[in-house]
Amino acid sequence: MHHTPRPCSVIVGLGSHDLGVADAAARFYLRGLAPIIVFTGSTSPTTRDRMPRGEAVHYRERALELGVPESAVLVEPEARNTGENIRFSRAVLDEAGVDVDSVLLVSKPYEERRAYATARKLWPGVDILSASSPMTFEEYVASIGDDRLVIDMLVGALQRLLLYPAQGFMIEQPVPDEVAAAYERLVGAGFTSRLVTGQGSGSPSAR
């Protein structure tokens, strides 16, 4: 989303299969952009084998390895989707007595917009910045080592941007025509494992 990271009340690292999210969150912390990190996420079919103790727990362990002090990390280990990441992180921060007026959301590069749109809907009244590790698509695929997984995830993330605003899960986001066309081509080519089922492709023409 080309947001410029700046000092915020808290960094929230959204759980996933990508440990690079923890790396990015740790780098932002070590740059002094927030006094505390919340890592949020349980497990999913994608992460169960890679992160058996849960996404947030593995993220925390990685951040500590990179020099983030234990006192600066909160863990939210129950969330199973982006909406729960946001809602449950809010609850953890409330319980810890942390006053939040701005949030630096850290996610996978292709999840920045989905994370932003969800947080804007579910966390009103705070300033939301969305960030990730800066890299090209080719660099990201190489870092994951599974091009099929990355493209399936990309397609699923775009479908949710199309479907979820009408369901009240996130704010509306513009989808350029060329992006919508690429999405349709990829769905037609079979990159469908991350699609929300039972709701059609979610294409603009179907809405």
N, C-alpha and C. Protein backbone atom coordinates (compact mmCIF):
# COMPACT_ATOMS: atom_id res chain seq x y z
N MET A 1 0.81 -1.21 0.00
CA MET A 1 0.00 0.00 0.00
C MET A 1 0.85 1.26 0.00
N HIS A 2 2.18 1.11 0.08
CA HIS A 2 3.11 2.22 0.04
C HIS A 2 2.94 3.18 1.22
N HIS A 3 2.45 2.66 2.35
CA HIS A 3 2.46 3.46 3.56
C HIS A 3 3.90 3.58 4.06
N THR A 4 4.25 4.75 4.55
CA THR A 4 5.58 4.94 5.12
C THR A 4 5.53 4.64 6.61
N PRO A 5 6.22 3.59 7.06
CA PRO A 5 6.19 3.27 8.50
C PRO A 5 6.70 4.44 9.33
N ARG A 6 5.99 4.71 10.42
CA ARG A 6 6.37 5.79 11.33
C ARG A 6 6.00 5.35 12.75
N PRO A 7 6.43 6.06 13.76
CA PRO A 7 6.14 5.65 15.14
C PRO A 7 4.64 5.52 15.39
N CYS A 8 4.26 4.41 16.03
CA CYS A 8 2.87 4.10 16.36
C CYS A 8 2.80 3.61 17.80
N SER A 9 1.58 3.48 18.30
CA SER A 9 1.38 2.99 19.66
C SER A 9 1.82 1.54 19.81
N VAL A 10 1.59 0.75 18.75
CA VAL A 10 1.84 -0.69 18.82
C VAL A 10 2.08 -1.24 17.43
N ILE A 11 2.87 -2.28 17.36
CA ILE A 11 3.03 -3.09 16.15
C ILE A 11 2.20 -4.35 16.33
N VAL A 12 1.40 -4.69 15.34
CA VAL A 12 0.63 -5.93 15.37
C VAL A 12 1.09 -6.80 14.21
N GLY A 13 1.68 -7.95 14.52
CA GLY A 13 2.15 -8.90 13.52
C GLY A 13 1.11 -9.97 13.30
N LEU A 14 0.58 -10.04 12.08
CA LEU A 14 -0.51 -10.96 11.77
C LEU A 14 0.02 -12.34 11.41
N GLY A 15 -0.44 -13.35 12.12
CA GLY A 15 0.03 -14.70 11.95
C GLY A 15 -0.25 -15.25 10.56
N SER A 16 0.66 -16.12 10.11
CA SER A 16 0.54 -16.77 8.80
C SER A 16 1.62 -17.84 8.71
N HIS A 17 1.77 -18.40 7.52
CA HIS A 17 2.82 -19.39 7.29
C HIS A 17 4.19 -18.75 7.12
N ASP A 18 4.23 -17.42 7.01
CA ASP A 18 5.44 -16.70 6.64
C ASP A 18 6.12 -16.12 7.87
N LEU A 19 7.23 -16.72 8.27
CA LEU A 19 7.97 -16.23 9.44
C LEU A 19 8.61 -14.86 9.16
N GLY A 20 8.67 -14.47 7.89
CA GLY A 20 9.19 -13.16 7.55
C GLY A 20 8.38 -12.02 8.14
N VAL A 21 7.11 -12.28 8.47
CA VAL A 21 6.30 -11.26 9.13
C VAL A 21 6.90 -10.92 10.49
N ALA A 22 7.35 -11.94 11.21
CA ALA A 22 8.00 -11.70 12.50
C ALA A 22 9.30 -10.94 12.32
N ASP A 23 10.04 -11.26 11.26
CA ASP A 23 11.28 -10.53 10.98
C ASP A 23 11.01 -9.05 10.76
N ALA A 24 9.98 -8.76 9.95
CA ALA A 24 9.65 -7.36 9.66
C ALA A 24 9.19 -6.63 10.91
N ALA A 25 8.35 -7.27 11.70
CA ALA A 25 7.87 -6.65 12.94
C ALA A 25 9.04 -6.35 13.88
N ALA A 26 9.96 -7.30 13.98
CA ALA A 26 11.13 -7.09 14.84
C ALA A 26 11.98 -5.93 14.34
N ARG A 27 12.17 -5.83 13.02
CA ARG A 27 12.95 -4.72 12.48
C ARG A 27 12.29 -3.38 12.79
N PHE A 28 10.97 -3.31 12.65
CA PHE A 28 10.27 -2.06 12.95
C PHE A 28 10.42 -1.71 14.44
N TYR A 29 10.32 -2.71 15.30
CA TYR A 29 10.50 -2.46 16.73
C TYR A 29 11.91 -1.94 17.01
N LEU A 30 12.90 -2.61 16.45
CA LEU A 30 14.29 -2.25 16.72
C LEU A 30 14.65 -0.88 16.13
N ARG A 31 13.85 -0.41 15.18
CA ARG A 31 14.01 0.96 14.66
C ARG A 31 13.33 1.99 15.56
N GLY A 32 12.65 1.51 16.60
CA GLY A 32 12.00 2.41 17.53
C GLY A 32 10.64 2.89 17.10
N LEU A 33 9.95 2.13 16.25
CA LEU A 33 8.67 2.58 15.72
C LEU A 33 7.50 2.27 16.65
N ALA A 34 7.69 1.48 17.67
CA ALA A 34 6.64 1.21 18.66
C ALA A 34 7.28 0.59 19.89
N PRO A 35 6.68 0.79 21.07
CA PRO A 35 7.25 0.23 22.29
C PRO A 35 6.83 -1.21 22.56
N ILE A 36 5.88 -1.73 21.77
CA ILE A 36 5.36 -3.07 22.05
C ILE A 36 4.89 -3.72 20.75
N ILE A 37 5.01 -5.04 20.71
CA ILE A 37 4.53 -5.85 19.58
C ILE A 37 3.48 -6.82 20.10
N VAL A 38 2.40 -6.96 19.36
CA VAL A 38 1.47 -8.07 19.57
C VAL A 38 1.59 -9.01 18.38
N PHE A 39 1.90 -10.26 18.64
CA PHE A 39 1.84 -11.29 17.60
C PHE A 39 0.55 -12.07 17.79
N THR A 40 -0.20 -12.24 16.70
CA THR A 40 -1.52 -12.84 16.79
C THR A 40 -1.68 -13.97 15.78
N GLY A 41 -2.18 -15.11 16.24
CA GLY A 41 -2.47 -16.20 15.32
C GLY A 41 -2.36 -17.55 15.99
N SER A 42 -3.31 -18.41 15.67
CA SER A 42 -3.32 -19.80 16.13
C SER A 42 -2.61 -20.66 15.09
N THR A 43 -3.27 -21.67 14.57
CA THR A 43 -2.74 -22.49 13.49
C THR A 43 -3.82 -22.66 12.44
N SER A 44 -3.40 -23.08 11.27
CA SER A 44 -4.31 -23.35 10.16
C SER A 44 -3.77 -24.57 9.42
N PRO A 45 -4.50 -25.11 8.46
CA PRO A 45 -3.94 -26.22 7.68
C PRO A 45 -2.60 -25.87 7.03
N THR A 46 -2.41 -24.60 6.71
CA THR A 46 -1.16 -24.17 6.08
C THR A 46 -0.01 -24.11 7.07
N THR A 47 -0.29 -23.86 8.34
CA THR A 47 0.78 -23.62 9.31
C THR A 47 0.95 -24.72 10.35
N ARG A 48 0.04 -25.67 10.37
CA ARG A 48 0.05 -26.66 11.46
C ARG A 48 1.38 -27.41 11.54
N ASP A 49 1.92 -27.80 10.39
CA ASP A 49 3.19 -28.54 10.39
C ASP A 49 4.39 -27.62 10.57
N ARG A 50 4.32 -26.42 9.98
CA ARG A 50 5.45 -25.50 10.04
C ARG A 50 5.57 -24.85 11.42
N MET A 51 4.43 -24.61 12.07
CA MET A 51 4.42 -23.88 13.34
C MET A 51 3.52 -24.60 14.33
N PRO A 52 3.95 -25.75 14.81
CA PRO A 52 3.07 -26.58 15.64
C PRO A 52 2.67 -25.93 16.96
N ARG A 53 3.45 -24.98 17.46
CA ARG A 53 3.12 -24.31 18.72
C ARG A 53 2.21 -23.10 18.50
N GLY A 54 1.85 -22.85 17.25
CA GLY A 54 1.00 -21.71 16.93
C GLY A 54 1.80 -20.58 16.30
N GLU A 55 1.15 -19.87 15.39
CA GLU A 55 1.83 -18.82 14.64
C GLU A 55 2.39 -17.73 15.56
N ALA A 56 1.56 -17.23 16.47
CA ALA A 56 2.01 -16.15 17.34
C ALA A 56 3.19 -16.56 18.21
N VAL A 57 3.17 -17.80 18.68
CA VAL A 57 4.26 -18.29 19.54
C VAL A 57 5.55 -18.37 18.75
N HIS A 58 5.49 -18.92 17.54
CA HIS A 58 6.69 -19.01 16.71
C HIS A 58 7.19 -17.62 16.32
N TYR A 59 6.27 -16.70 16.04
CA TYR A 59 6.67 -15.33 15.74
C TYR A 59 7.41 -14.71 16.92
N ARG A 60 6.86 -14.91 18.12
CA ARG A 60 7.51 -14.36 19.31
C ARG A 60 8.92 -14.92 19.46
N GLU A 61 9.06 -16.22 19.30
CA GLU A 61 10.38 -16.84 19.43
C GLU A 61 11.37 -16.24 18.43
N ARG A 62 10.89 -16.02 17.21
CA ARG A 62 11.75 -15.43 16.18
C ARG A 62 12.15 -14.01 16.55
N ALA A 63 11.19 -13.22 17.04
CA ALA A 63 11.50 -11.84 17.41
C ALA A 63 12.52 -11.78 18.54
N LEU A 64 12.41 -12.68 19.51
CA LEU A 64 13.38 -12.70 20.61
C LEU A 64 14.76 -13.05 20.08
N GLU A 65 14.84 -14.00 19.12
CA GLU A 65 16.12 -14.34 18.50
C GLU A 65 16.76 -13.12 17.84
N LEU A 66 15.93 -12.22 17.33
CA LEU A 66 16.42 -11.05 16.61
C LEU A 66 16.71 -9.87 17.52
N GLY A 67 16.51 -10.05 18.83
CA GLY A 67 16.91 -9.02 19.79
C GLY A 67 15.78 -8.23 20.42
N VAL A 68 14.53 -8.58 20.15
CA VAL A 68 13.41 -7.91 20.80
C VAL A 68 13.30 -8.45 22.23
N PRO A 69 13.21 -7.60 23.24
CA PRO A 69 13.12 -8.10 24.61
C PRO A 69 11.76 -8.75 24.89
N GLU A 70 11.78 -9.74 25.78
CA GLU A 70 10.54 -10.44 26.13
C GLU A 70 9.47 -9.48 26.63
N SER A 71 9.87 -8.45 27.36
CA SER A 71 8.91 -7.52 27.95
C SER A 71 8.15 -6.71 26.90
N ALA A 72 8.64 -6.71 25.66
CA ALA A 72 8.03 -5.90 24.62
C ALA A 72 7.08 -6.69 23.73
N VAL A 73 6.87 -7.97 24.03
CA VAL A 73 6.06 -8.83 23.15
C VAL A 73 4.85 -9.38 23.90
N LEU A 74 3.69 -9.17 23.33
CA LEU A 74 2.46 -9.82 23.79
C LEU A 74 2.05 -10.85 22.74
N VAL A 75 1.44 -11.94 23.19
CA VAL A 75 1.03 -13.03 22.30
C VAL A 75 -0.47 -13.22 22.40
N GLU A 76 -1.10 -13.28 21.25
CA GLU A 76 -2.52 -13.59 21.13
C GLU A 76 -2.61 -14.89 20.34
N PRO A 77 -2.86 -16.05 20.97
CA PRO A 77 -2.69 -17.34 20.31
C PRO A 77 -3.95 -18.00 19.77
N GLU A 78 -5.06 -17.27 19.71
CA GLU A 78 -6.32 -17.92 19.36
C GLU A 78 -6.87 -17.57 17.98
N ALA A 79 -6.49 -16.45 17.41
CA ALA A 79 -7.11 -15.96 16.18
C ALA A 79 -6.87 -16.92 15.00
N ARG A 80 -7.93 -17.11 14.20
CA ARG A 80 -7.85 -18.01 13.06
C ARG A 80 -8.17 -17.33 11.73
N ASN A 81 -8.40 -16.03 11.75
CA ASN A 81 -8.59 -15.27 10.52
C ASN A 81 -8.25 -13.81 10.80
N THR A 82 -8.25 -13.00 9.76
CA THR A 82 -7.80 -11.62 9.92
C THR A 82 -8.70 -10.83 10.85
N GLY A 83 -10.01 -11.05 10.76
CA GLY A 83 -10.93 -10.36 11.66
C GLY A 83 -10.64 -10.68 13.11
N GLU A 84 -10.41 -11.95 13.40
CA GLU A 84 -10.07 -12.34 14.77
C GLU A 84 -8.71 -11.79 15.18
N ASN A 85 -7.75 -11.75 14.24
CA ASN A 85 -6.46 -11.12 14.54
C ASN A 85 -6.66 -9.72 15.11
N ILE A 86 -7.52 -8.95 14.47
CA ILE A 86 -7.73 -7.57 14.88
C ILE A 86 -8.50 -7.52 16.20
N ARG A 87 -9.62 -8.23 16.27
CA ARG A 87 -10.47 -8.15 17.46
C ARG A 87 -9.76 -8.69 18.69
N PHE A 88 -9.09 -9.82 18.54
CA PHE A 88 -8.43 -10.43 19.69
C PHE A 88 -7.20 -9.63 20.12
N SER A 89 -6.50 -9.02 19.16
CA SER A 89 -5.36 -8.17 19.52
C SER A 89 -5.83 -6.96 20.31
N ARG A 90 -6.95 -6.38 19.91
CA ARG A 90 -7.52 -5.26 20.67
C ARG A 90 -7.79 -5.68 22.11
N ALA A 91 -8.35 -6.87 22.28
CA ALA A 91 -8.68 -7.34 23.62
C ALA A 91 -7.42 -7.55 24.46
N VAL A 92 -6.36 -8.10 23.86
CA VAL A 92 -5.10 -8.31 24.58
C VAL A 92 -4.52 -6.97 25.02
N LEU A 93 -4.56 -6.00 24.14
CA LEU A 93 -4.02 -4.68 24.48
C LEU A 93 -4.86 -4.00 25.55
N ASP A 94 -6.17 -4.13 25.46
CA ASP A 94 -7.04 -3.57 26.49
C ASP A 94 -6.72 -4.18 27.85
N GLU A 95 -6.58 -5.51 27.86
CA GLU A 95 -6.29 -6.20 29.12
C GLU A 95 -4.95 -5.77 29.71
N ALA A 96 -3.98 -5.49 28.82
CA ALA A 96 -2.66 -5.07 29.28
C ALA A 96 -2.61 -3.58 29.63
N GLY A 97 -3.71 -2.87 29.39
CA GLY A 97 -3.76 -1.46 29.73
C GLY A 97 -2.98 -0.57 28.78
N VAL A 98 -2.80 -1.03 27.53
CA VAL A 98 -2.05 -0.25 26.54
C VAL A 98 -3.00 0.72 25.83
N ASP A 99 -2.68 1.99 25.87
CA ASP A 99 -3.48 3.02 25.20
C ASP A 99 -3.07 3.07 23.73
N VAL A 100 -4.02 2.84 22.82
CA VAL A 100 -3.70 2.72 21.40
C VAL A 100 -4.40 3.83 20.62
N ASP A 101 -3.61 4.64 19.93
CA ASP A 101 -4.20 5.59 18.98
C ASP A 101 -3.68 5.41 17.57
N SER A 102 -2.68 4.54 17.40
CA SER A 102 -2.16 4.23 16.07
C SER A 102 -1.57 2.83 16.07
N VAL A 103 -1.70 2.14 14.93
CA VAL A 103 -1.27 0.74 14.82
C VAL A 103 -0.45 0.57 13.54
N LEU A 104 0.71 -0.05 13.69
CA LEU A 104 1.50 -0.47 12.54
C LEU A 104 1.21 -1.95 12.32
N LEU A 105 0.38 -2.25 11.32
CA LEU A 105 0.02 -3.63 11.00
C LEU A 105 1.11 -4.23 10.11
N VAL A 106 1.59 -5.40 10.49
CA VAL A 106 2.63 -6.06 9.69
C VAL A 106 2.09 -7.40 9.22
N SER A 107 2.19 -7.61 7.92
CA SER A 107 1.62 -8.81 7.31
C SER A 107 2.52 -9.28 6.17
N LYS A 108 2.09 -10.32 5.47
CA LYS A 108 2.72 -10.69 4.22
C LYS A 108 2.51 -9.56 3.21
N PRO A 109 3.42 -9.38 2.25
CA PRO A 109 3.28 -8.25 1.33
C PRO A 109 1.92 -8.19 0.64
N TYR A 110 1.42 -9.32 0.19
CA TYR A 110 0.16 -9.30 -0.56
C TYR A 110 -1.07 -9.23 0.35
N GLU A 111 -0.87 -9.22 1.66
CA GLU A 111 -1.99 -9.10 2.60
C GLU A 111 -2.12 -7.68 3.17
N GLU A 112 -1.25 -6.78 2.75
CA GLU A 112 -1.29 -5.44 3.33
C GLU A 112 -2.68 -4.80 3.20
N ARG A 113 -3.25 -4.86 2.01
CA ARG A 113 -4.52 -4.16 1.79
C ARG A 113 -5.66 -4.85 2.54
N ARG A 114 -5.68 -6.17 2.54
CA ARG A 114 -6.72 -6.88 3.29
C ARG A 114 -6.62 -6.57 4.78
N ALA A 115 -5.39 -6.56 5.31
CA ALA A 115 -5.21 -6.24 6.73
C ALA A 115 -5.70 -4.83 7.03
N TYR A 116 -5.33 -3.89 6.17
CA TYR A 116 -5.73 -2.51 6.36
C TYR A 116 -7.25 -2.35 6.32
N ALA A 117 -7.87 -2.94 5.30
CA ALA A 117 -9.32 -2.81 5.14
C ALA A 117 -10.07 -3.43 6.31
N THR A 118 -9.55 -4.54 6.83
CA THR A 118 -10.18 -5.19 7.98
C THR A 118 -10.03 -4.36 9.24
N ALA A 119 -8.82 -3.86 9.47
CA ALA A 119 -8.58 -3.07 10.69
C ALA A 119 -9.37 -1.77 10.67
N ARG A 120 -9.49 -1.15 9.52
CA ARG A 120 -10.27 0.09 9.43
C ARG A 120 -11.73 -0.15 9.80
N LYS A 121 -12.24 -1.34 9.48
CA LYS A 121 -13.62 -1.68 9.82
C LYS A 121 -13.77 -2.03 11.29
N LEU A 122 -12.84 -2.82 11.82
CA LEU A 122 -13.00 -3.41 13.14
C LEU A 122 -12.28 -2.66 14.26
N TRP A 123 -11.48 -1.67 13.90
CA TRP A 123 -10.73 -0.91 14.91
C TRP A 123 -10.89 0.58 14.63
N PRO A 124 -12.12 1.08 14.68
CA PRO A 124 -12.35 2.50 14.36
C PRO A 124 -11.71 3.41 15.40
N GLY A 125 -11.38 4.61 14.95
CA GLY A 125 -10.86 5.60 15.88
C GLY A 125 -9.36 5.57 16.08
N VAL A 126 -8.66 4.63 15.41
CA VAL A 126 -7.20 4.61 15.47
C VAL A 126 -6.63 4.78 14.07
N ASP A 127 -5.42 5.28 14.00
CA ASP A 127 -4.73 5.46 12.73
C ASP A 127 -4.08 4.13 12.36
N ILE A 128 -4.34 3.63 11.16
CA ILE A 128 -3.85 2.33 10.72
C ILE A 128 -2.82 2.51 9.62
N LEU A 129 -1.61 1.98 9.83
CA LEU A 129 -0.60 1.88 8.78
C LEU A 129 -0.38 0.41 8.49
N SER A 130 -0.22 0.08 7.21
CA SER A 130 -0.04 -1.32 6.82
C SER A 130 1.33 -1.48 6.17
N ALA A 131 2.09 -2.48 6.63
CA ALA A 131 3.47 -2.61 6.17
C ALA A 131 3.87 -4.08 6.07
N SER A 132 4.95 -4.32 5.38
CA SER A 132 5.49 -5.67 5.23
C SER A 132 6.97 -5.54 4.86
N SER A 133 7.61 -6.67 4.62
CA SER A 133 8.99 -6.63 4.14
C SER A 133 9.00 -6.18 2.69
N PRO A 134 9.77 -5.14 2.34
CA PRO A 134 9.80 -4.69 0.94
C PRO A 134 10.57 -5.67 0.07
N MET A 135 9.88 -6.24 -0.93
CA MET A 135 10.52 -7.18 -1.84
C MET A 135 9.68 -7.32 -3.10
N THR A 136 10.31 -7.79 -4.15
CA THR A 136 9.58 -8.05 -5.38
C THR A 136 8.81 -9.36 -5.26
N PHE A 137 7.88 -9.57 -6.21
CA PHE A 137 7.14 -10.83 -6.23
C PHE A 137 8.10 -12.01 -6.34
N GLU A 138 9.09 -11.89 -7.23
CA GLU A 138 10.04 -12.99 -7.42
C GLU A 138 10.83 -13.27 -6.14
N GLU A 139 11.23 -12.21 -5.46
CA GLU A 139 11.95 -12.38 -4.20
C GLU A 139 11.06 -13.04 -3.16
N TYR A 140 9.80 -12.65 -3.13
CA TYR A 140 8.91 -13.23 -2.14
C TYR A 140 8.68 -14.71 -2.40
N VAL A 141 8.41 -15.07 -3.66
CA VAL A 141 8.21 -16.49 -3.99
C VAL A 141 9.45 -17.30 -3.61
N ALA A 142 10.63 -16.76 -3.89
CA ALA A 142 11.87 -17.46 -3.53
C ALA A 142 11.99 -17.63 -2.02
N SER A 143 11.53 -16.64 -1.26
CA SER A 143 11.65 -16.73 0.19
C SER A 143 10.72 -17.79 0.77
N ILE A 144 9.59 -18.03 0.11
CA ILE A 144 8.64 -19.04 0.57
C ILE A 144 8.98 -20.42 0.02
N GLY A 145 9.45 -20.45 -1.23
CA GLY A 145 9.85 -21.71 -1.83
C GLY A 145 8.70 -22.53 -2.39
N ASP A 146 7.55 -21.90 -2.59
CA ASP A 146 6.37 -22.62 -3.10
C ASP A 146 5.52 -21.64 -3.91
N ASP A 147 5.78 -21.59 -5.22
CA ASP A 147 5.09 -20.59 -6.03
C ASP A 147 3.59 -20.85 -6.10
N ARG A 148 3.19 -22.12 -6.11
CA ARG A 148 1.77 -22.43 -6.16
C ARG A 148 1.04 -21.90 -4.92
N LEU A 149 1.63 -22.10 -3.75
CA LEU A 149 1.03 -21.62 -2.51
C LEU A 149 0.87 -20.10 -2.55
N VAL A 150 1.91 -19.40 -2.98
CA VAL A 150 1.85 -17.95 -2.99
C VAL A 150 0.75 -17.45 -3.92
N ILE A 151 0.64 -18.02 -5.12
CA ILE A 151 -0.39 -17.56 -6.06
C ILE A 151 -1.78 -17.91 -5.55
N ASP A 152 -1.95 -19.11 -5.00
CA ASP A 152 -3.24 -19.46 -4.40
C ASP A 152 -3.62 -18.46 -3.31
N MET A 153 -2.66 -18.09 -2.48
CA MET A 153 -2.92 -17.13 -1.41
C MET A 153 -3.28 -15.76 -1.97
N LEU A 154 -2.56 -15.33 -3.00
CA LEU A 154 -2.86 -14.05 -3.65
C LEU A 154 -4.30 -14.02 -4.16
N VAL A 155 -4.69 -15.08 -4.82
CA VAL A 155 -6.05 -15.16 -5.38
C VAL A 155 -7.08 -15.12 -4.25
N GLY A 156 -6.84 -15.86 -3.18
CA GLY A 156 -7.77 -15.86 -2.06
C GLY A 156 -7.88 -14.50 -1.39
N ALA A 157 -6.76 -13.80 -1.26
CA ALA A 157 -6.77 -12.47 -0.65
C ALA A 157 -7.58 -11.49 -1.49
N LEU A 158 -7.44 -11.57 -2.81
CA LEU A 158 -8.18 -10.66 -3.68
C LEU A 158 -9.68 -10.97 -3.63
N GLN A 159 -10.03 -12.26 -3.61
CA GLN A 159 -11.46 -12.60 -3.52
C GLN A 159 -12.09 -12.01 -2.27
N ARG A 160 -11.37 -12.05 -1.16
CA ARG A 160 -11.92 -11.51 0.09
C ARG A 160 -12.11 -9.99 0.01
N LEU A 161 -11.20 -9.30 -0.69
CA LEU A 161 -11.39 -7.87 -0.88
C LEU A 161 -12.67 -7.58 -1.65
N LEU A 162 -13.05 -8.50 -2.54
CA LEU A 162 -14.27 -8.32 -3.34
C LEU A 162 -15.52 -8.68 -2.55
N LEU A 163 -15.44 -9.72 -1.73
CA LEU A 163 -16.63 -10.25 -1.06
C LEU A 163 -16.91 -9.62 0.30
N TYR A 164 -15.87 -9.40 1.08
CA TYR A 164 -16.07 -9.14 2.50
C TYR A 164 -16.65 -7.77 2.85
N PRO A 165 -16.44 -6.72 2.05
CA PRO A 165 -17.08 -5.45 2.43
C PRO A 165 -18.60 -5.56 2.55
N ALA A 166 -19.24 -6.28 1.64
CA ALA A 166 -20.69 -6.44 1.69
C ALA A 166 -21.14 -7.24 2.91
N GLN A 167 -20.24 -8.04 3.46
CA GLN A 167 -20.57 -8.85 4.64
C GLN A 167 -20.19 -8.15 5.94
N GLY A 168 -19.67 -6.93 5.84
CA GLY A 168 -19.34 -6.17 7.03
C GLY A 168 -18.02 -6.51 7.66
N PHE A 169 -17.14 -7.25 6.94
CA PHE A 169 -15.87 -7.67 7.52
C PHE A 169 -14.75 -6.68 7.27
N MET A 170 -14.89 -5.79 6.30
CA MET A 170 -13.84 -4.83 5.97
C MET A 170 -14.45 -3.68 5.19
N ILE A 171 -13.68 -2.60 5.09
CA ILE A 171 -14.14 -1.48 4.27
C ILE A 171 -13.89 -1.79 2.80
N GLU A 172 -14.62 -1.10 1.93
CA GLU A 172 -14.47 -1.27 0.48
C GLU A 172 -13.11 -0.77 0.04
N GLN A 173 -12.51 -1.50 -0.91
CA GLN A 173 -11.26 -1.08 -1.51
C GLN A 173 -11.38 -1.10 -3.04
N PRO A 174 -10.80 -0.12 -3.73
CA PRO A 174 -10.86 -0.13 -5.19
C PRO A 174 -10.04 -1.29 -5.76
N VAL A 175 -10.57 -1.95 -6.78
CA VAL A 175 -9.85 -3.01 -7.48
C VAL A 175 -9.72 -2.61 -8.94
N PRO A 176 -8.52 -2.26 -9.39
CA PRO A 176 -8.34 -1.86 -10.79
C PRO A 176 -8.77 -2.96 -11.75
N ASP A 177 -9.20 -2.55 -12.94
CA ASP A 177 -9.69 -3.51 -13.92
C ASP A 177 -8.65 -4.57 -14.27
N GLU A 178 -7.38 -4.15 -14.39
CA GLU A 178 -6.36 -5.12 -14.76
C GLU A 178 -6.12 -6.15 -13.65
N VAL A 179 -6.32 -5.73 -12.41
CA VAL A 179 -6.18 -6.66 -11.29
C VAL A 179 -7.35 -7.65 -11.29
N ALA A 180 -8.55 -7.15 -11.51
CA ALA A 180 -9.72 -8.03 -11.58
C ALA A 180 -9.58 -9.02 -12.71
N ALA A 181 -9.05 -8.57 -13.86
CA ALA A 181 -8.88 -9.47 -15.01
C ALA A 181 -7.83 -10.55 -14.71
N ALA A 182 -6.74 -10.16 -14.05
CA ALA A 182 -5.72 -11.14 -13.68
C ALA A 182 -6.28 -12.17 -12.70
N TYR A 183 -7.09 -11.69 -11.77
CA TYR A 183 -7.75 -12.58 -10.81
C TYR A 183 -8.60 -13.61 -11.53
N GLU A 184 -9.40 -13.18 -12.49
CA GLU A 184 -10.27 -14.10 -13.23
C GLU A 184 -9.44 -15.12 -14.00
N ARG A 185 -8.34 -14.68 -14.59
CA ARG A 185 -7.48 -15.62 -15.33
C ARG A 185 -6.90 -16.68 -14.39
N LEU A 186 -6.47 -16.25 -13.21
CA LEU A 186 -5.87 -17.20 -12.27
C LEU A 186 -6.90 -18.17 -11.72
N VAL A 187 -8.11 -17.68 -11.43
CA VAL A 187 -9.17 -18.59 -11.00
C VAL A 187 -9.45 -19.60 -12.11
N GLY A 188 -9.53 -19.13 -13.35
CA GLY A 188 -9.78 -20.03 -14.47
C GLY A 188 -8.67 -21.04 -14.67
N ALA A 189 -7.45 -20.68 -14.27
CA ALA A 189 -6.31 -21.59 -14.40
C ALA A 189 -6.20 -22.57 -13.25
N GLY A 190 -7.12 -22.47 -12.28
CA GLY A 190 -7.17 -23.45 -11.21
C GLY A 190 -6.51 -23.07 -9.91
N PHE A 191 -6.15 -21.79 -9.75
CA PHE A 191 -5.54 -21.36 -8.49
C PHE A 191 -6.66 -21.00 -7.50
N THR A 192 -7.30 -22.02 -6.98
CA THR A 192 -8.55 -21.83 -6.25
C THR A 192 -8.56 -22.41 -4.84
N SER A 193 -7.43 -22.91 -4.37
CA SER A 193 -7.46 -23.63 -3.09
C SER A 193 -7.76 -22.71 -1.91
N ARG A 194 -7.56 -21.40 -2.05
CA ARG A 194 -7.80 -20.48 -0.95
C ARG A 194 -9.08 -19.66 -1.13
N LEU A 195 -9.89 -20.01 -2.12
CA LEU A 195 -11.13 -19.27 -2.32
C LEU A 195 -12.15 -19.61 -1.26
N VAL A 196 -12.94 -18.61 -0.88
CA VAL A 196 -14.10 -18.85 -0.03
C VAL A 196 -15.12 -19.59 -0.87
N THR A 197 -15.54 -20.75 -0.42
CA THR A 197 -16.43 -21.57 -1.24
C THR A 197 -17.88 -21.18 -1.06
N GLY A 198 -18.68 -21.54 -2.07
CA GLY A 198 -20.12 -21.32 -2.00
C GLY A 198 -20.56 -19.91 -2.27
N GLN A 199 -19.62 -19.05 -2.76
CA GLN A 199 -19.98 -17.66 -3.01
C GLN A 199 -19.57 -17.19 -4.39
N GLY A 200 -19.34 -18.12 -5.30
CA GLY A 200 -18.90 -17.74 -6.62
C GLY A 200 -17.47 -17.25 -6.58
N SER A 201 -17.01 -16.73 -7.72
CA SER A 201 -15.63 -16.26 -7.78
C SER A 201 -15.47 -14.93 -7.07
N GLY A 202 -16.58 -14.22 -6.88
CA GLY A 202 -16.47 -12.91 -6.27
C GLY A 202 -15.98 -11.85 -7.23
N SER A 203 -16.09 -12.08 -8.52
CA SER A 203 -15.60 -11.12 -9.50
C SER A 203 -16.46 -9.87 -9.51
N PRO A 204 -15.91 -8.72 -9.92
CA PRO A 204 -16.71 -7.50 -9.97
C PRO A 204 -17.95 -7.66 -10.83
N SER A 205 -17.83 -8.42 -11.92
CA SER A 205 -18.98 -8.58 -12.80
C SER A 205 -20.09 -9.39 -12.17
N ALA A 206 -19.74 -10.17 -11.13
CA ALA A 206 -20.74 -11.03 -10.49
C ALA A 206 -21.40 -10.33 -9.31
N ARG A 207 -20.90 -9.15 -8.93
CA ARG A 207 -21.40 -8.49 -7.72
C ARG A 207 -22.58 -7.61 -8.05
